[in-house]
């Protein structure tokens, strides 16, 4: 029996309840029906039989359920990156317009996360997780039926909006099921799914679209979401519900306005003209939205972003470091296929085979990162990961039409290893720095920062490349990756100032 579990009330000696640390809430995993006459419902008997046969700790079984749901949602957010040109042709529009089928979901996935975190705290994270996964499945099915670019962008964004509920709920389950000193290892798996699923989507996208068409991907995603709903309803325990949780609607609206206006100004500035009224209006609206957001947060009874977190070292710095690393990591990864296609002149199928180096490295490194963090601390792993990402971007900046594919593979592997090492450590720092009542909000804020970093990376790097294209195609891509290098170095610098967690020397 693992620490935190108790079978004292179970006549058969099986674990029914996960008990949290002293002062933390308890989660019922099974209800034994009419306990006074020893009747146990057959679903519980079946769960126990499966658990006994498989031999998996109950906490890790629950982790598998929530991570599977998160993967199902996050996998498709970037799956169309390599195929935007073909989809734009089908819908008789431009690739720039269709790029919002990627940017919109990524932005929505981050912005609405804090709202779902609050909702989970009030109504229970099981209910929010199940509802979000169900909504993602509905809108995935509608995406497959899209009739034009606008309907596709709308359905993709709505699907990601609903699916964003799985992010903070997954984090909330991890933080409740595992004690602070045990969280690094499960968080390494969470990091792989949260950051790795969109990357795998890019890798698999070209081959899948070429083989079955883009609509078939979402036809398959919908039933997978519904299977996840059934598994969650059956297996997940509910979480405790806080009383009188307040929603910061004004904060969500002003933050969304600020982010969307900033992205629109950056992405369209080269087309409209950087001094055009539209571009200036976008940046001015973003600045106004940011000012309003901060003003709202100071007065809000239950703020979307508690402003005192900005003064807390092990909350602000890890989140900033993650956002900056994701700027280079995801921005560079969404940008890399275009570099391989336009500079190295590689076919799409070969590009898909090459870029698998990044998720493969991430998959190998992330589960081991927990062990490294326990031994050397979060600061060392955070800085090392940021430097690996910066080195990756610098290698990409030096790629020309004559470069070897092996160089590309090394660059991809370095960035995968960097984020695989740093993300679990930095995530664990934030989780350990907030109280239990704010775990959902903290997880959502990390999701928001990471998604904003990814979207900004994609938009800014594209803008730099387009603006510098007149100087030469290769040099324009180099300029974009040099910018990503600088941002990744800033992320490593932020990680340098975090305070490592104190651990029992006997556990290291």
Protein backbone atom coordinates (compact mmCIF):
# COMPACT_ATOMS: atom_id res chain seq x y z
CA UNK A 1 0.00 0.00 0.00
CA UNK A 2 1.39 3.41 -0.93
CA UNK A 3 1.66 6.37 1.37
CA UNK A 4 -1.54 8.40 1.47
CA UNK A 5 -3.82 5.37 0.96
CA UNK A 6 -6.00 3.63 3.50
CA UNK A 7 -8.00 0.43 3.47
CA UNK A 8 -9.19 0.45 7.04
CA UNK A 9 -12.82 0.82 6.05
CA UNK A 10 -12.77 -1.80 3.33
CA UNK A 11 -13.85 -5.27 4.48
CA UNK A 12 -11.86 -6.87 1.66
CA UNK A 13 -8.69 -4.95 2.42
CA UNK A 14 -8.67 -3.14 -0.94
CA UNK A 15 -7.78 0.51 -1.25
CA UNK A 16 -10.83 2.68 -1.56
CA UNK A 17 -9.69 6.10 -0.51
CA UNK A 18 -6.77 8.37 -1.24
CA UNK A 19 -5.99 10.36 1.88
CA UNK A 20 -4.12 13.56 1.30
CA UNK A 21 -1.47 15.00 3.56
CA UNK A 22 -2.60 16.33 6.97
CA UNK A 23 -4.92 19.27 6.47
CA UNK A 24 -5.62 18.37 2.84
CA UNK A 25 -8.91 16.92 1.56
CA UNK A 26 -9.64 13.24 1.09
CA UNK A 27 -10.79 11.74 -2.22
CA UNK A 28 -13.17 8.81 -2.34
CA UNK A 29 -12.17 6.41 -5.10
CA UNK A 30 -14.83 3.76 -4.64
CA UNK A 31 -18.16 3.61 -2.92
CA UNK A 32 -18.99 0.14 -1.65
CA UNK A 33 -22.74 0.44 -1.96
CA UNK A 34 -24.74 -0.95 0.95
CA UNK A 35 -21.81 -1.23 3.27
CA UNK A 36 -23.79 -2.56 6.21
CA UNK A 37 -24.55 -5.82 4.41
CA UNK A 38 -21.30 -6.04 2.49
CA UNK A 39 -22.70 -5.62 -1.03
CA UNK A 40 -20.14 -4.28 -3.50
CA UNK A 41 -21.44 -3.08 -6.92
CA UNK A 42 -20.05 -4.96 -9.90
CA UNK A 43 -18.29 -1.90 -11.47
CA UNK A 44 -16.19 -1.60 -8.32
CA UNK A 45 -15.40 -5.32 -8.36
CA UNK A 46 -14.39 -5.01 -12.01
CA UNK A 47 -12.11 -2.04 -11.28
CA UNK A 48 -10.49 -3.97 -8.45
CA UNK A 49 -10.01 -7.02 -10.63
CA UNK A 50 -8.40 -4.95 -13.38
CA UNK A 51 -6.15 -3.15 -10.87
CA UNK A 52 -5.07 -6.46 -9.33
CA UNK A 53 -4.38 -8.00 -12.75
CA UNK A 54 -2.49 -5.02 -14.14
CA UNK A 55 -0.69 -4.32 -10.88
CA UNK A 56 -0.69 -0.53 -11.23
CA UNK A 57 -0.86 1.90 -8.33
CA UNK A 58 -4.27 3.58 -8.23
CA UNK A 59 -2.81 7.07 -8.37
CA UNK A 60 -0.88 6.24 -11.54
CA UNK A 61 -3.98 4.66 -13.09
CA UNK A 62 -5.91 7.88 -12.50
CA UNK A 63 -3.00 9.87 -13.91
CA UNK A 64 -3.17 7.76 -17.07
CA UNK A 65 -6.88 8.57 -17.47
CA UNK A 66 -6.47 12.35 -17.23
CA UNK A 67 -3.32 12.45 -19.35
CA UNK A 68 -5.03 10.42 -22.08
CA UNK A 69 -7.84 12.96 -22.22
CA UNK A 70 -5.40 15.86 -22.33
CA UNK A 71 -3.43 14.21 -25.15
CA UNK A 72 -6.58 13.59 -27.20
CA UNK A 73 -7.38 17.31 -27.09
CA UNK A 74 -3.87 18.77 -27.44
CA UNK A 75 -2.73 16.44 -30.23
CA UNK A 76 -4.89 18.09 -32.90
CA UNK A 77 -4.17 21.73 -32.04
CA UNK A 78 -1.16 21.85 -34.37
CA UNK A 79 -1.83 18.83 -36.57
CA UNK A 80 -2.65 20.93 -39.65
CA UNK A 81 0.50 23.10 -39.61
CA UNK A 82 2.20 21.41 -42.55
CA UNK A 83 -1.03 21.22 -44.57
CA UNK A 84 -2.33 24.79 -44.29
CA UNK A 85 -1.52 25.59 -47.91
CA UNK A 86 -3.57 22.65 -49.21
CA UNK A 87 -6.52 23.44 -46.92
CA UNK A 88 -6.39 27.10 -47.97
CA UNK A 89 -6.62 25.99 -51.60
CA UNK A 90 -9.64 23.79 -50.81
CA UNK A 91 -11.47 26.68 -49.14
CA UNK A 92 -10.33 29.26 -51.77
CA UNK A 93 -8.58 31.47 -49.24
CA UNK A 94 -5.04 32.39 -48.22
CA UNK A 95 -2.60 30.52 -46.02
CA UNK A 96 -2.48 33.56 -43.71
CA UNK A 97 -6.22 33.27 -43.07
CA UNK A 98 -6.04 29.53 -42.45
CA UNK A 99 -3.16 30.02 -40.00
CA UNK A 100 -5.82 31.18 -37.54
CA UNK A 101 -7.02 27.57 -37.40
CA UNK A 102 -3.75 27.02 -35.51
CA UNK A 103 -3.34 30.36 -33.72
CA UNK A 104 -6.99 30.57 -32.59
CA UNK A 105 -7.05 27.18 -30.82
CA UNK A 106 -3.63 27.75 -29.22
CA UNK A 107 -4.69 31.14 -27.91
CA UNK A 108 -8.08 29.88 -26.68
CA UNK A 109 -6.47 26.85 -25.03
CA UNK A 110 -4.42 29.19 -22.87
CA UNK A 111 -6.78 32.09 -22.15
CA UNK A 112 -9.80 30.13 -20.92
CA UNK A 113 -7.69 27.81 -18.77
CA UNK A 114 -7.87 29.99 -15.63
CA UNK A 115 -11.67 30.12 -15.89
CA UNK A 116 -11.84 26.33 -15.99
CA UNK A 117 -9.41 26.20 -13.06
CA UNK A 118 -11.82 28.31 -11.01
CA UNK A 119 -14.80 26.28 -12.22
CA UNK A 120 -13.09 23.07 -11.14
CA UNK A 121 -12.43 24.51 -7.71
CA UNK A 122 -16.13 25.34 -7.35
CA UNK A 123 -17.91 22.41 -9.01
CA UNK A 124 -15.27 19.70 -8.85
CA UNK A 125 -12.57 18.95 -11.41
CA UNK A 126 -14.12 15.67 -12.49
CA UNK A 127 -17.21 17.46 -13.76
CA UNK A 128 -15.15 20.11 -15.56
CA UNK A 129 -12.79 17.54 -17.08
CA UNK A 130 -15.64 15.39 -18.39
CA UNK A 131 -17.61 18.36 -19.71
CA UNK A 132 -14.60 19.84 -21.47
CA UNK A 133 -13.66 16.55 -23.10
CA UNK A 134 -17.24 16.02 -24.26
CA UNK A 135 -17.42 19.52 -25.75
CA UNK A 136 -14.10 19.00 -27.53
CA UNK A 137 -15.51 15.84 -29.13
CA UNK A 138 -18.68 17.59 -30.31
CA UNK A 139 -16.78 20.42 -31.97
CA UNK A 140 -14.22 18.00 -33.43
CA UNK A 141 -17.08 16.27 -35.23
CA UNK A 142 -18.36 19.64 -36.47
CA UNK A 143 -14.85 20.53 -37.70
CA UNK A 144 -14.99 17.51 -39.99
CA UNK A 145 -18.19 18.98 -41.48
CA UNK A 146 -16.75 22.49 -42.02
CA UNK A 147 -17.99 24.14 -45.23
CA UNK A 148 -15.60 27.13 -45.43
CA UNK A 149 -12.57 28.67 -43.74
CA UNK A 150 -14.60 30.66 -41.21
CA UNK A 151 -16.59 27.65 -40.01
CA UNK A 152 -13.44 25.56 -39.70
CA UNK A 153 -11.58 28.21 -37.71
CA UNK A 154 -14.62 28.69 -35.46
CA UNK A 155 -15.13 24.97 -34.77
CA UNK A 156 -11.41 24.37 -34.19
CA UNK A 157 -11.28 27.29 -31.74
CA UNK A 158 -14.42 26.13 -29.91
CA UNK A 159 -13.06 22.59 -29.68
CA UNK A 160 -9.82 23.86 -28.15
CA UNK A 161 -11.78 26.16 -25.83
CA UNK A 162 -13.76 23.23 -24.44
CA UNK A 163 -10.72 20.95 -24.37
CA UNK A 164 -8.76 23.53 -22.38
CA UNK A 165 -10.68 22.30 -19.33
CA UNK A 166 -8.54 19.16 -19.32
CA UNK A 167 -5.35 21.14 -18.61
CA UNK A 168 -6.04 22.67 -15.17
CA UNK A 169 -8.09 19.63 -14.13
CA UNK A 170 -5.19 17.30 -14.92
CA UNK A 171 -2.86 19.52 -12.92
CA UNK A 172 -5.34 19.62 -10.04
CA UNK A 173 -5.52 15.82 -9.92
CA UNK A 174 -1.73 15.50 -9.92
CA UNK A 175 -1.36 18.02 -7.13
CA UNK A 176 -4.02 16.32 -5.02
CA UNK A 177 -3.00 12.71 -5.62
CA UNK A 178 0.73 13.20 -5.09
CA UNK A 179 2.54 14.83 -2.18
CA UNK A 180 4.83 17.81 -2.98
CA UNK A 181 8.00 15.73 -2.76
CA UNK A 182 6.51 13.11 -5.12
CA UNK A 183 5.18 15.45 -7.81
CA UNK A 184 8.22 15.84 -10.04
CA UNK A 185 7.88 12.39 -11.62
CA UNK A 186 4.16 12.59 -12.51
CA UNK A 187 4.67 16.17 -13.64
CA UNK A 188 7.35 14.97 -16.06
CA UNK A 189 4.70 12.84 -17.77
CA UNK A 190 2.27 15.76 -17.68
CA UNK A 191 4.96 17.92 -19.29
CA UNK A 192 5.43 15.41 -22.07
CA UNK A 193 1.72 15.34 -22.87
CA UNK A 194 1.13 19.07 -22.47
CA UNK A 195 4.14 20.17 -24.52
CA UNK A 196 4.72 17.01 -26.55
CA UNK A 197 1.22 16.36 -27.90
CA UNK A 198 1.10 19.50 -30.09
CA UNK A 199 4.59 18.65 -31.34
CA UNK A 200 3.56 15.10 -32.21
CA UNK A 201 0.59 16.65 -34.00
CA UNK A 202 2.95 18.59 -36.25
CA UNK A 203 5.00 15.46 -36.89
CA UNK A 204 2.05 13.24 -37.75
CA UNK A 205 0.04 15.90 -39.54
CA UNK A 206 1.58 15.71 -43.00
CA UNK A 207 1.45 11.92 -43.24
CA UNK A 208 -2.07 11.65 -41.83
CA UNK A 209 -3.51 14.37 -44.04
CA UNK A 210 -1.85 12.87 -47.10
CA UNK A 211 -3.10 9.37 -46.20
CA UNK A 212 -6.69 9.99 -45.06
CA UNK A 213 -7.42 13.69 -45.54
CA UNK A 214 -7.71 16.35 -42.84
CA UNK A 215 -11.42 15.76 -42.17
CA UNK A 216 -10.84 12.11 -41.23
CA UNK A 217 -8.52 13.20 -38.41
CA UNK A 218 -11.36 14.96 -36.63
CA UNK A 219 -13.82 12.17 -37.40
CA UNK A 220 -11.48 9.91 -35.40
CA UNK A 221 -10.81 12.48 -32.65
CA UNK A 222 -14.51 12.84 -31.76
CA UNK A 223 -15.10 9.20 -30.66
CA UNK A 224 -11.75 9.16 -28.86
CA UNK A 225 -12.97 12.11 -26.79
CA UNK A 226 -16.22 10.29 -26.01
CA UNK A 227 -14.29 7.16 -24.95
CA UNK A 228 -12.26 9.39 -22.64
CA UNK A 229 -15.48 10.80 -21.20
CA UNK A 230 -16.75 7.29 -20.41
CA UNK A 231 -13.44 6.31 -18.78
CA UNK A 232 -13.36 9.48 -16.69
CA UNK A 233 -16.95 9.05 -15.52
CA UNK A 234 -16.20 5.50 -14.46
CA UNK A 235 -12.76 5.84 -12.90
CA UNK A 236 -12.07 9.38 -11.70
CA UNK A 237 -12.92 10.42 -8.15
CA UNK A 238 -14.35 13.87 -7.69
CA UNK A 239 -12.37 16.60 -6.00
CA UNK A 240 -13.52 18.70 -3.08
CA UNK A 241 -15.57 21.76 -3.95
CA UNK A 242 -14.74 25.16 -2.59
CA UNK A 243 -17.61 27.31 -1.41
CA UNK A 244 -18.51 30.64 -2.98
CA UNK A 245 -15.84 30.61 -5.69
CA UNK A 246 -15.89 33.88 -7.62
CA UNK A 247 -15.28 34.13 -11.35
CA UNK A 248 -13.18 36.93 -12.75
CA UNK A 249 -15.10 37.43 -15.98
CA UNK A 250 -13.81 40.97 -16.45
CA UNK A 251 -10.24 39.75 -16.07
CA UNK A 252 -10.76 37.04 -18.68
CA UNK A 253 -12.30 39.48 -21.17
CA UNK A 254 -9.62 42.16 -20.79
CA UNK A 255 -6.81 39.60 -20.97
CA UNK A 256 -8.31 38.03 -24.10
CA UNK A 257 -8.72 41.48 -25.68
CA UNK A 258 -5.12 42.39 -24.93
CA UNK A 259 -3.67 39.12 -26.24
CA UNK A 260 -5.79 38.96 -29.41
CA UNK A 261 -5.07 42.60 -30.30
CA UNK A 262 -1.33 42.14 -29.80
CA UNK A 263 -1.26 39.03 -31.98
CA UNK A 264 -3.34 40.68 -34.70
CA UNK A 265 -1.03 43.71 -34.77
CA UNK A 266 2.13 41.59 -34.94
CA UNK A 267 0.82 39.12 -37.52
CA UNK A 268 -0.76 41.69 -39.85
CA UNK A 269 1.63 44.59 -39.35
CA UNK A 270 3.78 43.67 -42.34
CA UNK A 271 0.66 43.46 -44.53
CA UNK A 272 -1.15 46.57 -43.28
CA UNK A 273 2.04 48.56 -42.74
CA UNK A 274 3.60 49.10 -39.32
CA UNK A 275 2.54 52.73 -39.28
CA UNK A 276 -0.98 52.10 -40.60
CA UNK A 277 -3.99 53.10 -38.45
CA UNK A 278 -5.10 49.45 -38.12
CA UNK A 279 -1.74 48.27 -36.80
CA UNK A 280 -1.43 51.18 -34.40
CA UNK A 281 -5.01 50.59 -33.24
CA UNK A 282 -4.23 46.93 -32.48
CA UNK A 283 -1.19 47.79 -30.37
CA UNK A 284 -3.04 50.61 -28.61
CA UNK A 285 -5.95 48.28 -27.85
CA UNK A 286 -3.55 45.69 -26.48
CA UNK A 287 -1.89 48.25 -24.21
CA UNK A 288 -5.29 49.49 -23.02
CA UNK A 289 -6.46 45.91 -22.46
CA UNK A 290 -3.36 45.17 -20.37
CA UNK A 291 -3.90 48.27 -18.26
CA UNK A 292 -7.55 47.41 -17.74
CA UNK A 293 -6.64 43.82 -16.86
CA UNK A 294 -4.21 44.92 -14.15
CA UNK A 295 -6.74 47.41 -12.82
CA UNK A 296 -9.44 44.74 -12.70
CA UNK A 297 -7.13 42.27 -10.97
CA UNK A 298 -6.28 44.76 -8.21
CA UNK A 299 -9.97 45.13 -7.30
CA UNK A 300 -11.21 41.60 -8.03
CA UNK A 301 -12.32 39.56 -5.04
CA UNK A 302 -11.05 36.39 -6.73
CA UNK A 303 -8.59 37.59 -9.41
CA UNK A 304 -7.71 35.56 -12.47
CA UNK A 305 -4.07 36.35 -11.68
CA UNK A 306 -3.37 37.16 -8.01
CA UNK A 307 -0.99 40.07 -8.48
CA UNK A 308 1.07 39.14 -5.43
CA UNK A 309 2.15 36.07 -7.42
CA UNK A 310 4.14 38.45 -9.62
CA UNK A 311 6.27 39.21 -6.54
CA UNK A 312 6.68 35.55 -5.55
CA UNK A 313 9.97 34.21 -6.86
CA UNK A 314 8.95 30.57 -7.31
CA UNK A 315 5.75 31.48 -9.12
CA UNK A 316 6.65 34.42 -11.35
CA UNK A 317 10.11 33.28 -12.48
CA UNK A 318 9.19 29.67 -13.41
CA UNK A 319 6.14 30.87 -15.34
CA UNK A 320 8.18 33.52 -17.18
CA UNK A 321 10.91 30.98 -17.93
CA UNK A 322 8.35 28.50 -19.31
CA UNK A 323 6.71 31.16 -21.50
CA UNK A 324 10.03 32.31 -22.96
CA UNK A 325 11.23 28.75 -23.54
CA UNK A 326 7.94 27.90 -25.25
CA UNK A 327 8.32 30.98 -27.48
CA UNK A 328 11.41 29.37 -28.97
CA UNK A 329 10.35 25.74 -28.54
CA UNK A 330 6.90 25.82 -30.14
CA UNK A 331 7.48 28.92 -32.25
CA UNK A 332 10.61 27.33 -33.67
CA UNK A 333 8.93 23.99 -34.14
CA UNK A 334 5.96 25.42 -36.02
CA UNK A 335 8.47 27.38 -38.10
CA UNK A 336 10.93 24.52 -38.73
CA UNK A 337 8.82 22.63 -41.33
CA UNK A 338 8.66 25.78 -43.43
CA UNK A 339 12.44 26.13 -43.22
CA UNK A 340 12.91 22.52 -44.33
CA UNK A 341 10.45 22.90 -47.18
CA UNK A 342 11.55 26.31 -48.48
CA UNK A 343 15.30 26.32 -47.77
CA UNK A 344 16.28 22.63 -47.91
CA UNK A 345 13.55 21.87 -50.49
CA UNK A 346 12.42 18.69 -48.77
CA UNK A 347 9.07 16.95 -49.48
CA UNK A 348 6.38 17.03 -46.78
CA UNK A 349 6.55 13.32 -45.99
CA UNK A 350 10.30 13.51 -45.41
CA UNK A 351 9.83 16.59 -43.25
CA UNK A 352 7.41 14.63 -41.07
CA UNK A 353 9.99 11.86 -40.65
CA UNK A 354 12.73 14.33 -39.72
CA UNK A 355 10.89 16.44 -37.16
CA UNK A 356 9.95 13.35 -35.17
CA UNK A 357 13.41 13.79 -33.58
CA UNK A 358 12.02 16.45 -31.25
CA UNK A 359 9.06 14.57 -29.71
CA UNK A 360 11.14 11.39 -29.61
CA UNK A 361 13.86 13.14 -27.59
CA UNK A 362 11.24 14.77 -25.39
CA UNK A 363 9.60 11.38 -24.76
CA UNK A 364 12.92 9.86 -23.72
CA UNK A 365 14.10 12.75 -21.57
CA UNK A 366 10.95 13.98 -19.79
CA UNK A 367 10.29 10.83 -17.70
CA UNK A 368 13.95 10.80 -16.60
CA UNK A 369 13.99 14.50 -15.81
CA UNK A 370 12.26 13.91 -12.49
CA UNK A 371 15.18 11.82 -11.25
CA UNK A 372 17.68 14.46 -12.37
CA UNK A 373 15.72 17.25 -10.68
CA UNK A 374 15.60 15.37 -7.39
CA UNK A 375 19.40 15.11 -7.44
CA UNK A 376 20.51 18.52 -8.73
CA UNK A 377 17.51 20.77 -8.05
CA UNK A 378 15.10 22.79 -10.15
CA UNK A 379 17.46 25.70 -10.77
CA UNK A 380 20.12 23.60 -12.49
CA UNK A 381 17.64 21.67 -14.65
CA UNK A 382 15.73 24.85 -15.53
CA UNK A 383 18.84 26.71 -16.68
CA UNK A 384 20.25 23.69 -18.49
CA UNK A 385 16.98 23.17 -20.36
CA UNK A 386 16.81 26.82 -21.42
CA UNK A 387 20.38 26.73 -22.72
CA UNK A 388 19.63 23.59 -24.74
CA UNK A 389 16.69 25.32 -26.41
CA UNK A 390 18.84 28.38 -27.15
CA UNK A 391 21.55 26.17 -28.68
CA UNK A 392 18.93 24.50 -30.84
CA UNK A 393 17.67 27.83 -32.19
CA UNK A 394 21.23 28.97 -32.88
CA UNK A 395 21.92 25.83 -34.94
CA UNK A 396 18.73 26.45 -36.92
CA UNK A 397 19.89 30.02 -37.57
CA UNK A 398 22.99 28.67 -39.31
CA UNK A 399 21.18 26.26 -41.64
CA UNK A 400 21.52 26.89 -45.37
CA UNK A 401 20.40 25.09 -48.49
CA UNK A 402 23.55 22.95 -48.32
CA UNK A 403 23.20 21.90 -44.66
CA UNK A 404 23.03 18.24 -43.72
CA UNK A 405 19.78 16.74 -42.47
CA UNK A 406 21.78 15.41 -39.52
CA UNK A 407 22.32 19.01 -38.33
CA UNK A 408 18.57 19.54 -38.40
CA UNK A 409 18.01 16.38 -36.36
CA UNK A 410 20.55 17.52 -33.75
CA UNK A 411 18.86 20.92 -33.47
CA UNK A 412 15.44 19.34 -33.06
CA UNK A 413 16.73 16.89 -30.48
CA UNK A 414 18.37 19.63 -28.42
CA UNK A 415 15.17 21.63 -28.08
CA UNK A 416 13.18 18.49 -27.21
CA UNK A 417 15.72 17.58 -24.53
CA UNK A 418 15.80 21.13 -23.19
CA UNK A 419 12.09 21.46 -22.58
CA UNK A 420 11.87 17.84 -21.44
CA UNK A 421 14.39 18.59 -18.69
CA UNK A 422 13.20 22.03 -17.58
CA UNK A 423 9.41 21.88 -17.78
CA UNK A 424 8.73 19.28 -15.01
CA UNK A 425 11.09 21.07 -12.62
CA UNK A 426 9.62 24.53 -13.16
CA UNK A 427 6.06 23.21 -13.03
CA UNK A 428 6.79 21.49 -9.72
CA UNK A 429 8.15 24.74 -8.26
CA UNK A 430 4.92 26.59 -9.01
CA UNK A 431 2.73 23.79 -7.66
CA UNK A 432 4.70 23.72 -4.40
CA UNK A 433 4.60 27.52 -4.03
CA UNK A 434 0.79 27.95 -3.93
CA UNK A 435 -1.73 26.73 -1.40
CA UNK A 436 -4.15 23.92 -2.18
CA UNK A 437 -7.06 26.27 -2.88
CA UNK A 438 -5.18 27.84 -5.79
CA UNK A 439 -3.76 24.71 -7.44
CA UNK A 440 -6.28 24.84 -10.28
CA UNK A 441 -5.63 28.52 -10.95
CA UNK A 442 -1.85 28.04 -10.80
CA UNK A 443 -2.01 25.20 -13.31
CA UNK A 444 -4.19 27.28 -15.59
CA UNK A 445 -1.82 30.24 -15.40
CA UNK A 446 1.07 28.02 -16.43
CA UNK A 447 -0.99 26.74 -19.34
CA UNK A 448 -1.86 30.32 -20.33
CA UNK A 449 1.75 31.48 -20.17
CA UNK A 450 2.99 28.51 -22.18
CA UNK A 451 0.33 28.92 -24.87
CA UNK A 452 0.90 32.66 -25.09
CA UNK A 453 4.61 32.03 -25.48
CA UNK A 454 3.96 29.50 -28.24
CA UNK A 455 1.56 31.75 -30.13
CA UNK A 456 3.82 34.79 -29.81
CA UNK A 457 6.79 32.72 -30.95
CA UNK A 458 4.96 31.55 -34.05
CA UNK A 459 3.64 35.00 -34.93
CA UNK A 460 6.80 36.97 -34.17
CA UNK A 461 9.12 34.57 -36.00
CA UNK A 462 6.84 34.57 -39.03
CA UNK A 463 6.69 38.37 -39.00
CA UNK A 464 10.49 38.67 -38.83
CA UNK A 465 10.95 36.18 -41.66
CA UNK A 466 8.45 37.93 -43.93
CA UNK A 467 9.93 41.36 -43.18
CA UNK A 468 13.48 40.17 -43.97
CA UNK A 469 12.61 38.07 -47.03
CA UNK A 470 13.76 40.79 -49.41
CA UNK A 471 17.32 40.27 -48.11
CA UNK A 472 17.24 36.61 -49.12
CA UNK A 473 15.17 33.56 -48.15
CA UNK A 474 17.88 31.84 -46.10
CA UNK A 475 18.89 34.99 -44.22
CA UNK A 476 15.26 35.76 -43.42
CA UNK A 477 14.83 32.41 -41.66
CA UNK A 478 18.17 32.93 -39.92
CA UNK A 479 16.98 36.26 -38.51
CA UNK A 480 13.83 34.63 -37.12
CA UNK A 481 15.80 31.90 -35.35
CA UNK A 482 18.33 34.39 -33.96
CA UNK A 483 15.42 36.22 -32.31
CA UNK A 484 14.23 32.90 -30.86
CA UNK A 485 17.74 32.26 -29.52
CA UNK A 486 17.70 35.54 -27.61
CA UNK A 487 14.28 34.76 -26.10
CA UNK A 488 15.39 31.26 -25.03
CA UNK A 489 18.48 32.73 -23.34
CA UNK A 490 16.21 35.12 -21.44
CA UNK A 491 14.19 32.10 -20.29
CA UNK A 492 17.35 30.39 -19.01
CA UNK A 493 18.29 33.59 -17.17
CA UNK A 494 14.88 33.66 -15.44
CA UNK A 495 15.37 30.06 -14.26
CA UNK A 496 18.73 31.03 -12.76
CA UNK A 497 16.99 32.96 -9.97
CA UNK A 498 14.44 30.39 -8.79
CA UNK A 499 14.74 28.91 -5.30
CA UNK A 500 15.23 25.11 -5.41
CA UNK A 501 12.90 23.00 -3.27
CA UNK A 502 14.23 21.61 -0.02
CA UNK A 503 14.35 17.83 0.00
CA UNK A 504 15.25 15.13 2.47
CA UNK A 505 18.87 14.16 1.64
CA UNK A 506 17.90 10.51 2.07
CA UNK A 507 15.61 10.73 -1.00
CA UNK A 508 18.41 11.95 -3.27
